[in-house]
Structure formats: C-alpha cells, structure tokens
N, C-alpha and C. Protein backbone atom coordinates (compact mmCIF):
# COMPACT_ATOMS: atom_id res chain seq x y z
N UNK A 1 11.17 77.18 50.82
CA UNK A 1 12.15 75.41 50.22
C UNK A 1 13.08 76.31 49.32
N UNK A 2 14.63 76.18 49.88
CA UNK A 2 15.53 77.08 49.45
C UNK A 2 16.20 76.01 48.10
N UNK A 3 17.00 76.92 47.55
CA UNK A 3 17.88 76.41 46.23
C UNK A 3 18.74 75.01 46.94
N UNK A 4 18.94 75.20 47.47
CA UNK A 4 19.88 73.89 48.02
C UNK A 4 19.32 72.63 48.36
N UNK A 5 18.02 72.85 49.19
CA UNK A 5 16.80 71.87 49.44
C UNK A 5 16.24 71.34 48.08
N UNK A 6 16.25 72.19 47.26
CA UNK A 6 15.58 71.65 46.01
C UNK A 6 16.36 70.98 45.20
N UNK A 7 17.57 71.32 45.18
CA UNK A 7 19.01 70.33 44.50
C UNK A 7 19.04 68.72 45.25
N UNK A 8 18.88 69.18 46.05
CA UNK A 8 18.90 67.86 47.05
C UNK A 8 17.84 66.82 46.92
N UNK A 9 16.66 67.86 46.91
CA UNK A 9 15.27 66.71 46.99
C UNK A 9 15.37 66.58 44.85
N UNK A 10 15.65 67.07 43.97
CA UNK A 10 16.37 66.92 42.74
C UNK A 10 17.08 65.55 42.86
N UNK A 11 18.18 65.90 43.44
CA UNK A 11 19.02 64.78 42.98
C UNK A 11 18.44 63.52 44.17
N UNK A 12 17.98 63.13 45.12
CA UNK A 12 17.46 62.38 45.56
C UNK A 12 16.79 61.72 44.33
N UNK A 13 15.77 62.52 43.70
CA UNK A 13 14.09 61.81 43.10
C UNK A 13 15.83 61.14 41.91
N UNK A 14 16.38 62.03 41.56
CA UNK A 14 17.26 61.16 40.34
C UNK A 14 18.20 60.16 40.83
N UNK A 15 18.36 60.06 42.02
CA UNK A 15 19.35 58.52 42.70
C UNK A 15 18.10 57.47 42.73
N UNK A 16 17.23 58.11 43.23
CA UNK A 16 15.74 56.69 43.32
C UNK A 16 15.57 56.15 41.89
N UNK A 17 14.91 57.37 41.03
CA UNK A 17 14.99 56.73 39.40
C UNK A 17 16.23 55.82 38.99
N UNK A 18 17.10 56.51 39.47
CA UNK A 18 18.43 55.20 38.69
C UNK A 18 18.18 54.05 39.83
N UNK A 19 17.93 53.79 40.58
CA UNK A 19 18.28 52.75 41.35
C UNK A 19 16.73 51.62 40.87
N UNK A 20 15.61 52.58 40.83
CA UNK A 20 14.82 52.48 40.04
C UNK A 20 14.62 51.61 38.32
N UNK A 21 15.87 52.48 37.66
CA UNK A 21 15.81 51.94 36.79
C UNK A 21 16.68 50.52 36.72
N UNK A 22 17.91 50.61 37.74
CA UNK A 22 18.69 49.73 37.17
C UNK A 22 17.99 48.35 37.85
N UNK A 23 16.79 48.92 39.21
CA UNK A 23 16.13 47.46 39.37
C UNK A 23 15.41 46.48 38.17
N UNK A 24 14.74 47.79 37.14
CA UNK A 24 13.98 46.91 36.42
C UNK A 24 15.10 46.67 35.22
N UNK A 25 15.99 46.99 35.03
CA UNK A 25 17.02 45.87 34.26
C UNK A 25 17.16 44.93 34.48
N UNK A 26 17.51 44.87 35.98
CA UNK A 26 18.21 43.73 36.87
C UNK A 26 16.96 42.51 36.60
N UNK A 27 15.22 43.10 36.75
CA UNK A 27 14.55 42.25 36.11
C UNK A 27 14.43 41.53 35.16
N UNK A 28 14.87 42.54 34.23
CA UNK A 28 14.40 42.04 33.12
C UNK A 28 15.54 41.01 32.42
N UNK A 29 16.69 41.50 33.02
CA UNK A 29 17.80 40.40 32.78
C UNK A 29 17.49 39.00 33.68
N UNK A 30 17.11 38.98 34.42
CA UNK A 30 16.62 37.73 35.44
C UNK A 30 15.78 37.39 34.51
N UNK A 31 14.31 37.88 33.78
CA UNK A 31 13.46 36.99 33.28
C UNK A 31 13.47 36.62 31.80
N UNK A 32 14.87 37.85 31.42
CA UNK A 32 15.56 36.94 30.10
C UNK A 32 15.58 35.48 30.43
N UNK A 33 16.76 35.02 31.21
CA UNK A 33 17.10 34.56 31.91
C UNK A 33 16.48 33.08 32.09
N UNK A 34 15.83 33.27 33.09
CA UNK A 34 14.44 32.40 33.49
C UNK A 34 13.43 31.97 32.00
N UNK A 35 13.14 32.92 31.06
CA UNK A 35 12.95 32.02 29.84
C UNK A 35 13.55 31.34 28.75
N UNK A 36 14.91 31.81 29.25
CA UNK A 36 15.69 31.03 28.40
C UNK A 36 16.19 29.31 28.96
N UNK A 37 16.13 29.76 30.03
CA UNK A 37 15.73 28.51 30.87
C UNK A 37 14.59 27.58 30.76
N UNK A 38 13.83 28.17 30.81
CA UNK A 38 12.26 27.54 30.58
C UNK A 38 12.14 26.96 29.10
N UNK A 39 12.58 27.96 28.08
CA UNK A 39 12.74 27.39 26.91
C UNK A 39 13.97 26.21 26.36
N UNK A 40 14.61 26.12 27.24
CA UNK A 40 15.74 25.19 26.84
C UNK A 40 15.09 23.53 27.51
N UNK A 41 14.58 23.72 28.72
CA UNK A 41 14.22 22.66 29.10
C UNK A 41 12.75 22.69 28.71
N UNK A 42 11.99 23.09 27.90
CA UNK A 42 11.10 22.73 27.23
C UNK A 42 11.35 21.74 25.77
N UNK A 43 12.40 22.46 25.83
CA UNK A 43 12.79 21.71 24.61
C UNK A 43 13.84 20.59 24.82
N UNK A 44 14.40 20.48 25.71
CA UNK A 44 14.71 18.93 26.38
C UNK A 44 14.13 18.05 26.13
N UNK A 45 12.76 18.66 27.43
CA UNK A 45 11.46 17.66 27.23
C UNK A 45 11.11 17.25 25.89
N UNK A 46 10.87 17.37 24.76
CA UNK A 46 10.46 17.95 24.04
C UNK A 46 11.44 16.63 23.49
N UNK A 47 12.34 16.73 23.20
CA UNK A 47 13.34 15.95 22.57
C UNK A 47 12.98 14.87 23.50
N UNK A 48 13.47 14.46 24.96
CA UNK A 48 13.10 13.32 25.55
C UNK A 48 11.97 12.53 24.70
N UNK A 49 11.01 13.06 24.41
CA UNK A 49 9.46 12.50 24.26
C UNK A 49 9.74 11.99 22.89
N UNK A 50 10.39 13.02 21.88
CA UNK A 50 10.35 12.63 20.55
C UNK A 50 11.26 11.08 20.87
N UNK A 51 12.26 11.00 21.46
CA UNK A 51 13.72 9.77 21.45
C UNK A 51 12.24 8.96 21.72
N UNK A 52 11.71 8.56 23.15
CA UNK A 52 10.91 7.67 23.59
C UNK A 52 9.79 6.97 22.40
N UNK A 53 9.13 7.82 21.85
CA UNK A 53 8.44 7.58 21.05
C UNK A 53 8.55 6.83 19.66
N UNK A 54 10.41 7.40 19.09
CA UNK A 54 10.76 7.22 18.22
C UNK A 54 11.42 5.63 18.27
N UNK A 55 11.85 5.36 19.47
CA UNK A 55 12.09 4.21 19.82
C UNK A 55 10.97 2.92 20.48
N UNK A 56 10.10 3.53 20.66
CA UNK A 56 8.58 2.84 21.11
C UNK A 56 8.34 2.61 19.42
N UNK A 57 8.23 3.44 18.45
CA UNK A 57 7.62 2.95 16.69
C UNK A 57 8.87 2.32 16.39
N UNK A 58 10.12 2.21 16.67
CA UNK A 58 11.11 1.04 16.14
C UNK A 58 11.06 0.14 16.08
N UNK A 59 10.60 0.09 18.18
CA UNK A 59 10.28 -1.38 18.14
C UNK A 59 9.62 -2.33 17.81
N UNK A 60 8.20 -1.33 17.70
CA UNK A 60 7.21 -2.09 17.05
C UNK A 60 6.92 -2.47 15.68
N UNK A 61 7.88 -1.63 14.48
CA UNK A 61 8.24 -1.90 13.44
C UNK A 61 9.04 -2.70 13.61
N UNK A 62 9.82 -3.19 14.21
CA UNK A 62 10.93 -4.38 14.08
C UNK A 62 10.03 -5.72 14.42
N UNK A 63 9.44 -5.53 15.85
CA UNK A 63 8.29 -6.82 15.83
C UNK A 63 7.27 -6.99 14.92
N UNK A 64 6.46 -5.93 13.83
CA UNK A 64 6.11 -6.39 13.04
C UNK A 64 6.58 -6.75 11.52
N UNK A 65 8.21 -6.68 11.69
CA UNK A 65 8.51 -6.90 10.25
C UNK A 65 9.31 -8.43 10.77
N UNK A 66 9.29 -8.74 11.93
CA UNK A 66 9.68 -9.93 12.53
C UNK A 66 8.37 -10.98 12.11
N UNK A 67 7.35 -10.79 12.80
CA UNK A 67 5.98 -11.28 12.41
C UNK A 67 6.22 -11.97 10.80
N UNK A 68 6.14 -10.34 9.90
CA UNK A 68 5.99 -10.97 8.52
C UNK A 68 7.11 -11.65 8.05
N UNK A 69 8.14 -11.77 8.28
CA UNK A 69 9.20 -12.48 7.99
C UNK A 69 8.72 -13.53 8.09
N UNK A 70 8.57 -14.51 9.15
CA UNK A 70 8.51 -15.37 10.34
C UNK A 70 7.35 -15.95 9.47
N UNK A 71 5.90 -15.28 8.55
CA UNK A 71 5.31 -15.93 8.13
C UNK A 71 5.20 -16.00 6.85
N UNK A 72 6.11 -15.24 6.44
CA UNK A 72 6.54 -15.88 4.87
C UNK A 72 7.40 -17.16 4.99
N UNK A 73 8.11 -16.91 5.67
CA UNK A 73 9.12 -18.28 6.37
C UNK A 73 8.37 -19.69 6.27
N UNK A 74 6.86 -19.73 6.74
CA UNK A 74 5.86 -20.58 7.43
C UNK A 74 5.31 -20.73 5.86
N UNK A 75 5.06 -20.03 4.92
CA UNK A 75 4.69 -20.09 4.00
C UNK A 75 5.31 -20.70 3.01
N UNK A 76 6.79 -20.77 2.92
CA UNK A 76 7.73 -21.05 1.99
C UNK A 76 7.31 -22.36 2.35
N UNK A 77 7.64 -22.55 3.81
CA UNK A 77 7.87 -24.10 4.10
C UNK A 77 6.56 -25.01 3.88
N UNK A 78 5.30 -24.27 4.05
CA UNK A 78 4.18 -24.99 2.91
C UNK A 78 4.07 -25.08 1.48
N UNK A 79 4.90 -24.26 1.11
CA UNK A 79 5.13 -24.65 -0.06
C UNK A 79 5.57 -25.63 -0.95
N UNK A 80 6.87 -24.99 -0.04
CA UNK A 80 8.33 -26.21 -0.36
C UNK A 80 7.30 -27.54 -0.22
N UNK A 81 6.71 -28.11 0.99
CA UNK A 81 6.53 -29.54 1.77
C UNK A 81 5.71 -29.84 0.23
N UNK A 82 4.78 -28.62 0.01
CA UNK A 82 3.32 -28.86 -1.22
C UNK A 82 4.30 -29.23 -2.69
N UNK A 83 5.47 -28.54 -2.85
CA UNK A 83 5.67 -28.74 -4.22
C UNK A 83 7.17 -30.64 -3.97
N UNK A 84 7.07 -31.00 -2.52
CA UNK A 84 8.29 -32.39 -2.63
C UNK A 84 7.41 -33.35 -2.43
N UNK A 85 5.75 -32.74 -1.79
CA UNK A 85 5.05 -34.04 -2.21
C UNK A 85 4.24 -33.83 -3.18
N UNK A 86 4.32 -33.00 -4.35
CA UNK A 86 3.67 -32.96 -5.89
C UNK A 86 4.92 -33.94 -6.21
N UNK A 87 6.15 -33.85 -5.83
CA UNK A 87 7.71 -34.51 -6.43
C UNK A 87 7.41 -35.92 -6.55
N UNK A 88 7.02 -36.38 -4.92
CA UNK A 88 7.65 -37.55 -4.77
C UNK A 88 6.35 -38.45 -5.29
N UNK A 89 4.88 -37.72 -5.45
CA UNK A 89 3.43 -38.38 -6.27
C UNK A 89 3.35 -38.44 -7.64
N UNK A 90 4.18 -37.84 -8.51
CA UNK A 90 4.62 -37.61 -10.07
C UNK A 90 5.69 -37.59 -10.90
N UNK A 91 6.25 -37.75 -10.05
CA UNK A 91 7.90 -37.90 -10.63
C UNK A 91 8.44 -38.72 -11.62
N UNK A 92 7.60 -40.19 -11.37
CA UNK A 92 8.16 -41.48 -12.46
C UNK A 92 7.17 -40.51 -13.50
N UNK A 93 5.85 -39.99 -13.32
CA UNK A 93 5.46 -39.61 -14.74
C UNK A 93 5.83 -38.44 -15.39
N UNK A 94 6.37 -37.50 -14.67
CA UNK A 94 7.34 -36.23 -15.20
C UNK A 94 8.24 -36.70 -15.88
N UNK A 95 9.18 -38.06 -15.26
CA UNK A 95 10.04 -38.31 -15.75
C UNK A 95 9.99 -38.91 -17.20
N UNK A 96 8.87 -39.77 -16.88
CA UNK A 96 8.75 -40.24 -18.33
C UNK A 96 8.27 -39.59 -18.94
N UNK A 97 7.38 -38.45 -19.36
CA UNK A 97 7.12 -37.18 -20.00
C UNK A 97 8.15 -36.65 -20.26
N UNK A 98 8.89 -36.31 -19.57
CA UNK A 98 10.36 -35.59 -20.18
C UNK A 98 10.96 -36.02 -21.19
N UNK A 99 11.76 -37.33 -21.17
CA UNK A 99 11.68 -38.33 -21.92
C UNK A 99 11.02 -38.39 -22.79
N UNK A 100 10.00 -38.74 -22.96
CA UNK A 100 9.03 -38.81 -24.49
C UNK A 100 9.34 -37.49 -24.99
N UNK A 101 9.49 -36.35 -23.97
CA UNK A 101 9.03 -35.04 -25.35
C UNK A 101 10.74 -35.15 -26.07
N UNK A 102 11.46 -35.27 -24.75
CA UNK A 102 13.13 -35.31 -25.25
C UNK A 102 13.51 -35.68 -26.47
N UNK A 103 13.40 -37.19 -26.52
CA UNK A 103 13.27 -38.00 -27.78
C UNK A 103 12.51 -38.37 -28.81
N UNK A 104 11.13 -37.28 -28.83
CA UNK A 104 10.10 -37.57 -30.07
C UNK A 104 9.25 -38.70 -29.42
N UNK A 105 9.30 -39.15 -28.63
CA UNK A 105 8.45 -40.44 -28.65
C UNK A 105 6.82 -40.23 -27.74
N UNK A 106 6.05 -40.09 -28.32
CA UNK A 106 4.82 -40.11 -27.61
C UNK A 106 4.23 -41.24 -26.43
N UNK A 107 4.12 -40.72 -25.22
CA UNK A 107 3.63 -42.17 -24.55
C UNK A 107 2.46 -42.79 -24.51
C-alpha cells in the first residue's frame, strides 16, 4: 500500500467518522425533541385530568352545600312553625304575665 492510498483510506475513514458523528448528533437532537414533545403531552394530559377532577370535586361540594342549606332551611321552617304554634297557644298568658311584670302586679 502506497502513501496516497493510505492517505485516501485515512480521509475516507475520517469522512465516515464525521458522517457517523453527524448522524449521532441528529439522532440525539431528534431524541431530545421527541422527549420534549412527550413531556409536554404528559403535562397537558395531567393538567386535563386535574381540571376534570377539580370540576368533579367542585360540583360535588356545591351539591353538598346546597343539600346542607336545604336541610337548614327545613329546620328553620320547623322551628318557626313550633314558635308560632307556641305563641298561638300561649299568647294570652304571656301578655298577662308581661303586663303584670311591667306594672308590678302579681297574677
């Protein structure tokens, strides 16, 4: 093998090495881009699930609050009916008692 042939083989090997290095760089860049896309897709998927879960929890809490308010309203109605009933039954006696207390006369 003569000198020119060796130089030619060395240059061919160098060209091959450069081509392999360029291919490796391109693959690395592509892998990085793929990874970034995958991470962005995973993040978006997670955020979608989180938003859906938050919406579900919000609706559940709103329903629970509404039910609690309805129960309190019903309880208030019951108490008011009891007070009104008691007033109707006892109003004359209460008026007499209060009058007596105000004017200082014992019934």
